[in-house]
Amino acid sequence: MLHATATARDKRKTFRAALASGQLLRFPGAFSPLVAMLIEELGFDGVYISGAVLSADLGLPDIGLTTLTEVSRRGHEIARATNLPALIDADTGFGEPMNAARTVRVLEDLGLAGCHIEDQVNPKRCGHLDNKAVVPVGDMVQRIRAAVSARRDPDFVVCARTDARAVEGLDAVIARARAYVEAGADMIFPEALPDAGEFAAVHKAVSVPILANMTEFGKSELLDARTLREAGVAMAIYPVTALRLAMGAVEEGLAVIRDAGTNAGLTSRMQTRQRLYDLLGYEDYNVFDKSIYNFTLEPPDRKK
């Protein structure tokens, strides 16, 4: 009731321990607190908060138009709704190295378990589009060092994402990953690798966990959990899956209302009212009202 019971520190410790366990962690993307609650109920390891999803939800393309204020606010809303650790997309750190440092402080204060910062030129673009540009290695090293130096909770995870695969090739991805680990990155996110073999190559080259982005309609093969584990991947994210499922259903349903003139035929496709109430823990709030907020007002004394 009233969102998560675990503290931010507890969630960060859980995330750190899970990353060290050798097991594959699966973090679906949540576009709202309610989705985060469902992710937890269904038994996943954590929640991912995608910059692309946040941009889309604001009616914007994923080209670096969102601000730290917008991203951190949504991150806080989602992270506080679940006992699971939440990893958030912090784009390029929202500016220069000092901005990356401030980003980490803000996200730490708002209860996130970690963030990833990428090496694209700012303004960035979606990691699975062509014609990306990456900054020199030294510039990204400064971003990572600034981010790592700013954190106050050592369990807050700073993940370095590299978009170099499409620009410079796999060897450059590995070289960059090693430099970012040396700068203090806790995890490496090699974006848009085409297959399991390349994920395995990055895993063998670095001493920290690696993350795989299993986004649909992108450049990476959609690998199953077993294949990802065998490639040495520590964490898989499914950033836009829930939004795409939801928007597909919303579009179909709105078209039915437009064409049929009624929503009567749609109820079998919907989450029921009772299922929503169960997910929200509606009855727990009723119990609280009855056990805590149980006083009654006396009728007014008309003589006074």
Protein backbone atom coordinates (compact mmCIF):
# COMPACT_ATOMS: atom_id res chain seq x y z
CA MET A 1 0.00 0.00 0.00
CA LEU A 2 1.18 3.54 -0.78
CA HIS A 3 3.81 2.18 -3.13
CA ALA A 4 7.00 0.35 -2.18
CA THR A 5 8.06 -0.70 1.28
CA ALA A 6 11.73 -1.26 0.37
CA THR A 7 14.00 1.77 0.71
CA ALA A 8 16.07 3.10 -2.16
CA ARG A 9 19.22 1.87 -0.42
CA ASP A 10 17.72 -1.60 -0.05
CA LYS A 11 16.83 -1.71 -3.73
CA ARG A 12 20.34 -0.64 -4.74
CA LYS A 13 21.90 -3.33 -2.56
CA THR A 14 19.56 -5.89 -4.10
CA PHE A 15 20.56 -4.77 -7.58
CA ARG A 16 24.29 -4.96 -6.81
CA ALA A 17 23.96 -8.44 -5.31
CA ALA A 18 21.88 -9.65 -8.24
CA LEU A 19 24.42 -8.37 -10.76
CA ALA A 20 27.12 -10.31 -8.91
CA SER A 21 25.06 -13.52 -8.79
CA GLY A 22 25.91 -14.74 -12.28
CA GLN A 23 22.21 -15.03 -13.14
CA LEU A 24 20.50 -13.27 -16.04
CA LEU A 25 18.41 -10.35 -14.77
CA ARG A 26 15.36 -9.35 -16.83
CA PHE A 27 14.11 -5.77 -16.61
CA PRO A 28 11.01 -5.00 -18.73
CA GLY A 29 10.36 -1.36 -19.50
CA ALA A 30 7.65 0.42 -17.51
CA PHE A 31 5.94 3.46 -19.01
CA SER A 32 3.95 4.13 -15.83
CA PRO A 33 3.96 3.26 -12.12
CA LEU A 34 1.07 0.85 -12.70
CA VAL A 35 3.11 -1.11 -15.25
CA ALA A 36 5.99 -1.24 -12.77
CA MET A 37 3.64 -2.76 -10.19
CA LEU A 38 2.61 -5.42 -12.71
CA ILE A 39 6.25 -6.18 -13.57
CA GLU A 40 6.91 -6.81 -9.89
CA GLU A 41 3.81 -8.96 -9.44
CA LEU A 42 4.80 -11.14 -12.40
CA GLY A 43 8.15 -11.94 -10.82
CA PHE A 44 10.71 -10.02 -12.87
CA ASP A 45 14.03 -8.89 -11.44
CA GLY A 46 13.68 -5.17 -11.93
CA VAL A 47 12.17 -2.30 -13.89
CA TYR A 48 13.73 -0.38 -16.76
CA ILE A 49 12.78 3.22 -17.56
CA SER A 50 13.43 3.97 -21.21
CA GLY A 51 14.26 7.39 -22.60
CA ALA A 52 12.67 6.40 -25.90
CA VAL A 53 9.42 5.47 -24.15
CA LEU A 54 9.39 8.65 -22.07
CA SER A 55 9.95 10.73 -25.21
CA ALA A 56 7.21 8.91 -27.08
CA ASP A 57 4.79 9.31 -24.19
CA LEU A 58 5.42 13.07 -24.40
CA GLY A 59 4.75 12.99 -28.14
CA LEU A 60 8.43 13.52 -29.00
CA PRO A 61 11.01 11.53 -30.99
CA ASP A 62 13.97 10.05 -29.14
CA ILE A 63 16.53 12.65 -30.20
CA GLY A 64 17.58 14.19 -26.90
CA LEU A 65 14.69 16.63 -26.51
CA THR A 66 13.71 15.54 -23.00
CA THR A 67 15.24 17.24 -19.97
CA LEU A 68 16.69 15.99 -16.71
CA THR A 69 13.65 17.39 -14.93
CA GLU A 70 11.21 15.44 -17.12
CA VAL A 71 13.21 12.21 -16.98
CA SER A 72 13.94 12.30 -13.26
CA ARG A 73 10.32 13.10 -12.38
CA ARG A 74 9.02 10.12 -14.34
CA GLY A 75 11.79 7.94 -12.96
CA HIS A 76 10.82 8.85 -9.40
CA GLU A 77 7.14 8.16 -10.04
CA ILE A 78 7.92 4.70 -11.40
CA ALA A 79 10.67 3.73 -8.95
CA ARG A 80 8.61 4.54 -5.87
CA ALA A 81 5.75 2.27 -7.04
CA THR A 82 7.76 -0.94 -6.81
CA ASN A 83 10.08 -2.81 -4.47
CA LEU A 84 12.19 -3.78 -7.47
CA PRO A 85 15.34 -1.85 -8.43
CA ALA A 86 14.83 0.57 -11.31
CA LEU A 87 17.49 1.37 -13.94
CA ILE A 88 16.89 4.56 -15.92
CA ASP A 89 18.12 5.84 -19.27
CA ALA A 90 20.03 9.09 -18.67
CA ASP A 91 20.91 9.67 -22.34
CA THR A 92 24.26 11.50 -22.59
CA GLY A 93 24.07 12.82 -19.03
CA PHE A 94 22.12 15.89 -20.20
CA GLY A 95 25.16 17.96 -21.06
CA GLU A 96 28.81 18.28 -20.09
CA PRO A 97 30.56 16.12 -17.43
CA MET A 98 29.30 18.41 -14.68
CA ASN A 99 25.75 17.80 -15.92
CA ALA A 100 26.38 14.05 -15.78
CA ALA A 101 27.49 14.45 -12.17
CA ARG A 102 24.35 16.42 -11.31
CA THR A 103 22.23 13.81 -13.09
CA VAL A 104 23.55 11.06 -10.83
CA ARG A 105 22.91 13.14 -7.70
CA VAL A 106 19.34 13.90 -8.76
CA LEU A 107 18.54 10.31 -9.69
CA GLU A 108 20.10 9.04 -6.48
CA ASP A 109 17.94 11.43 -4.44
CA LEU A 110 14.80 10.25 -6.27
CA GLY A 111 15.23 6.57 -5.50
CA LEU A 112 16.66 5.11 -8.70
CA ALA A 113 18.98 2.12 -8.42
CA GLY A 114 21.18 3.11 -11.33
CA CYS A 115 21.40 4.81 -14.70
CA HIS A 116 23.17 4.42 -18.01
CA ILE A 117 24.99 7.19 -19.81
CA GLU A 118 25.96 6.89 -23.46
CA ASP A 119 28.79 8.02 -25.71
CA GLN A 120 26.74 9.56 -28.49
CA VAL A 121 27.18 13.14 -29.61
CA ASN A 122 24.56 15.36 -28.03
CA PRO A 123 21.81 15.66 -29.25
CA LYS A 124 21.59 11.89 -29.51
CA ARG A 125 19.27 9.64 -31.47
CA CYS A 126 17.67 6.23 -30.99
CA GLY A 127 20.36 3.58 -30.62
CA HIS A 128 18.94 1.42 -33.39
CA LEU A 129 18.84 4.10 -36.08
CA ASP A 130 21.54 4.76 -38.65
CA ASN A 131 23.84 7.80 -38.91
CA LYS A 132 24.68 8.05 -35.23
CA ALA A 133 27.82 9.85 -34.11
CA VAL A 134 29.90 9.09 -31.04
CA VAL A 135 32.15 11.37 -29.04
CA PRO A 136 35.89 10.73 -28.69
CA VAL A 137 36.73 8.12 -26.06
CA GLY A 138 38.30 10.76 -23.82
CA ASP A 139 35.07 12.77 -23.72
CA MET A 140 33.05 9.75 -22.62
CA VAL A 141 35.67 8.83 -20.03
CA GLN A 142 35.16 12.30 -18.53
CA ARG A 143 31.38 11.74 -18.43
CA ILE A 144 31.79 8.43 -16.62
CA ARG A 145 34.37 9.72 -14.16
CA ALA A 146 32.13 12.67 -13.34
CA ALA A 147 29.10 10.44 -12.85
CA VAL A 148 30.97 7.96 -10.64
CA SER A 149 32.59 10.68 -8.54
CA ALA A 150 29.22 12.33 -7.87
CA ARG A 151 27.42 9.40 -6.30
CA ARG A 152 27.12 9.21 -2.55
CA ASP A 153 25.68 5.71 -2.35
CA PRO A 154 28.36 3.30 -3.63
CA ASP A 155 25.62 0.83 -4.60
CA PHE A 156 24.14 3.21 -7.18
CA VAL A 157 25.04 1.57 -10.51
CA VAL A 158 26.64 3.68 -13.24
CA CYS A 159 26.37 1.84 -16.54
CA ALA A 160 28.27 3.04 -19.62
CA ARG A 161 26.53 2.59 -22.95
CA THR A 162 28.48 2.64 -26.19
CA ASP A 163 26.85 3.19 -29.57
CA ALA A 164 30.09 2.62 -31.45
CA ARG A 165 29.13 -0.69 -33.13
CA ALA A 166 27.40 0.90 -36.12
CA VAL A 167 29.97 3.68 -36.41
CA GLU A 168 33.36 2.11 -35.67
CA GLY A 169 32.81 -1.66 -35.47
CA LEU A 170 33.07 -4.34 -32.79
CA ASP A 171 36.77 -3.83 -32.03
CA ALA A 172 36.07 -0.20 -31.15
CA VAL A 173 33.16 -1.28 -28.94
CA ILE A 174 35.54 -3.50 -26.97
CA ALA A 175 38.23 -0.85 -26.73
CA ARG A 176 35.72 1.73 -25.57
CA ALA A 177 34.19 -0.68 -23.07
CA ARG A 178 37.58 -1.32 -21.49
CA ALA A 179 38.27 2.41 -21.23
CA TYR A 180 34.88 3.02 -19.63
CA VAL A 181 35.43 0.26 -17.09
CA GLU A 182 38.78 1.80 -16.22
CA ALA A 183 36.99 5.13 -15.73
CA GLY A 184 34.75 3.49 -13.12
CA ALA A 185 31.71 2.11 -14.99
CA ASP A 186 29.99 -0.69 -13.09
CA MET A 187 28.37 -2.21 -16.17
CA ILE A 188 28.71 -1.98 -19.95
CA PHE A 189 25.78 -1.58 -22.35
CA PRO A 190 26.97 -2.34 -25.91
CA GLU A 191 24.07 -1.01 -27.97
CA ALA A 192 22.78 -2.57 -31.21
CA LEU A 193 25.00 -5.66 -31.34
CA PRO A 194 23.59 -7.97 -34.01
CA ASP A 195 23.96 -11.39 -32.41
CA ALA A 196 24.92 -13.52 -29.42
CA GLY A 197 28.48 -13.96 -30.66
CA GLU A 198 29.21 -10.25 -30.35
CA PHE A 199 27.68 -10.07 -26.88
CA ALA A 200 29.93 -12.98 -25.88
CA ALA A 201 32.97 -11.17 -27.28
CA VAL A 202 32.26 -8.05 -25.22
CA HIS A 203 31.60 -10.17 -22.12
CA LYS A 204 34.99 -11.86 -22.47
CA ALA A 205 36.76 -8.53 -22.94
CA VAL A 206 35.59 -6.75 -19.77
CA SER A 207 35.54 -7.48 -16.05
CA VAL A 208 32.09 -6.06 -15.31
CA PRO A 209 28.55 -7.24 -16.18
CA ILE A 210 27.13 -6.46 -19.62
CA LEU A 211 23.61 -5.46 -20.60
CA ALA A 212 21.70 -6.50 -23.73
CA ASN A 213 18.90 -4.42 -25.23
CA MET A 214 16.20 -6.74 -26.59
CA THR A 215 14.16 -4.07 -28.32
CA GLU A 216 11.84 -5.05 -31.14
CA PHE A 217 12.31 -3.87 -34.75
CA GLY A 218 15.95 -2.98 -34.08
CA LYS A 219 19.39 -4.15 -35.15
CA SER A 220 19.82 -6.84 -32.47
CA GLU A 221 18.50 -10.37 -32.82
CA LEU A 222 15.80 -11.03 -30.20
CA LEU A 223 17.58 -13.67 -28.13
CA ASP A 224 15.94 -15.91 -25.55
CA ALA A 225 17.04 -16.05 -21.93
CA ARG A 226 19.09 -19.21 -22.33
CA THR A 227 21.07 -17.80 -25.27
CA LEU A 228 21.71 -14.55 -23.41
CA ARG A 229 22.99 -16.45 -20.35
CA GLU A 230 25.28 -18.57 -22.49
CA ALA A 231 26.68 -15.39 -24.08
CA GLY A 232 27.56 -14.07 -20.64
CA VAL A 233 24.92 -11.34 -20.53
CA ALA A 234 24.09 -10.30 -16.97
CA MET A 235 21.04 -8.18 -17.68
CA ALA A 236 18.47 -7.92 -20.48
CA ILE A 237 16.10 -5.00 -20.94
CA TYR A 238 12.86 -4.99 -22.94
CA PRO A 239 12.45 -1.21 -23.09
CA VAL A 240 9.53 -0.53 -25.41
CA THR A 241 7.69 -3.88 -25.35
CA ALA A 242 4.91 -2.86 -22.94
CA LEU A 243 4.31 0.47 -24.68
CA ARG A 244 4.13 -1.20 -28.09
CA LEU A 245 1.69 -3.81 -26.80
CA ALA A 246 -0.43 -1.15 -25.16
CA MET A 247 -0.46 1.24 -28.12
CA GLY A 248 -1.28 -1.58 -30.51
CA ALA A 249 -4.30 -2.51 -28.40
CA VAL A 250 -5.34 1.12 -27.92
CA GLU A 251 -5.23 1.80 -31.65
CA GLU A 252 -7.30 -1.29 -32.45
CA GLY A 253 -9.85 -0.46 -29.77
CA LEU A 254 -10.26 3.17 -30.79
CA ALA A 255 -10.80 2.06 -34.38
CA VAL A 256 -13.61 -0.25 -33.21
CA ILE A 257 -15.31 2.61 -31.34
CA ARG A 258 -14.95 4.86 -34.38
CA ASP A 259 -16.36 2.29 -36.81
CA ALA A 260 -18.92 0.45 -34.64
CA GLY A 261 -20.06 3.44 -32.64
CA THR A 262 -19.78 1.56 -29.34
CA ASN A 263 -17.20 0.03 -27.01
CA ALA A 264 -19.49 -2.87 -26.09
CA GLY A 265 -17.52 -5.40 -28.10
CA LEU A 266 -14.20 -4.50 -26.51
CA THR A 267 -14.69 -5.58 -22.91
CA SER A 268 -13.30 -9.09 -23.47
CA ARG A 269 -9.96 -7.53 -24.46
CA MET A 270 -9.74 -5.30 -21.40
CA GLN A 271 -8.24 -5.66 -17.97
CA THR A 272 -11.27 -5.99 -15.71
CA ARG A 273 -12.11 -3.54 -12.99
CA GLN A 274 -11.50 -6.25 -10.38
CA ARG A 275 -8.07 -7.12 -11.82
CA LEU A 276 -7.09 -3.45 -11.70
CA TYR A 277 -8.26 -3.19 -8.09
CA ASP A 278 -6.31 -6.33 -7.19
CA LEU A 279 -3.15 -4.90 -8.74
CA LEU A 280 -3.60 -1.60 -6.92
CA GLY A 281 -4.26 -3.34 -3.60
CA TYR A 282 -7.55 -1.51 -3.34
CA GLU A 283 -8.79 -3.57 -0.39
CA ASP A 284 -5.68 -2.72 1.63
CA TYR A 285 -6.69 0.93 1.53
CA ASN A 286 -10.15 0.02 2.81
CA VAL A 287 -8.57 -1.87 5.71
CA PHE A 288 -6.42 1.18 6.49
CA ASP A 289 -9.49 3.40 6.53
CA LYS A 290 -11.32 1.07 8.89
CA SER A 291 -8.41 0.52 11.27
CA ILE A 292 -6.82 3.98 11.37
CA TYR A 293 -9.18 6.60 10.02
CA ASN A 294 -12.16 5.43 12.06
CA PHE A 295 -13.35 8.42 14.08
CA THR A 296 -16.80 9.91 13.65
CA LEU A 297 -17.91 13.50 13.97
CA GLU A 298 -20.35 14.29 16.75
CA PRO A 299 -23.43 16.22 15.74
CA PRO A 300 -23.03 19.94 16.39
CA ASP A 301 -24.22 21.30 19.72
CA ARG A 302 -26.82 23.80 18.65
CA LYS A 303 -26.64 25.55 22.00
CA LYS A 304 -23.09 26.74 21.33
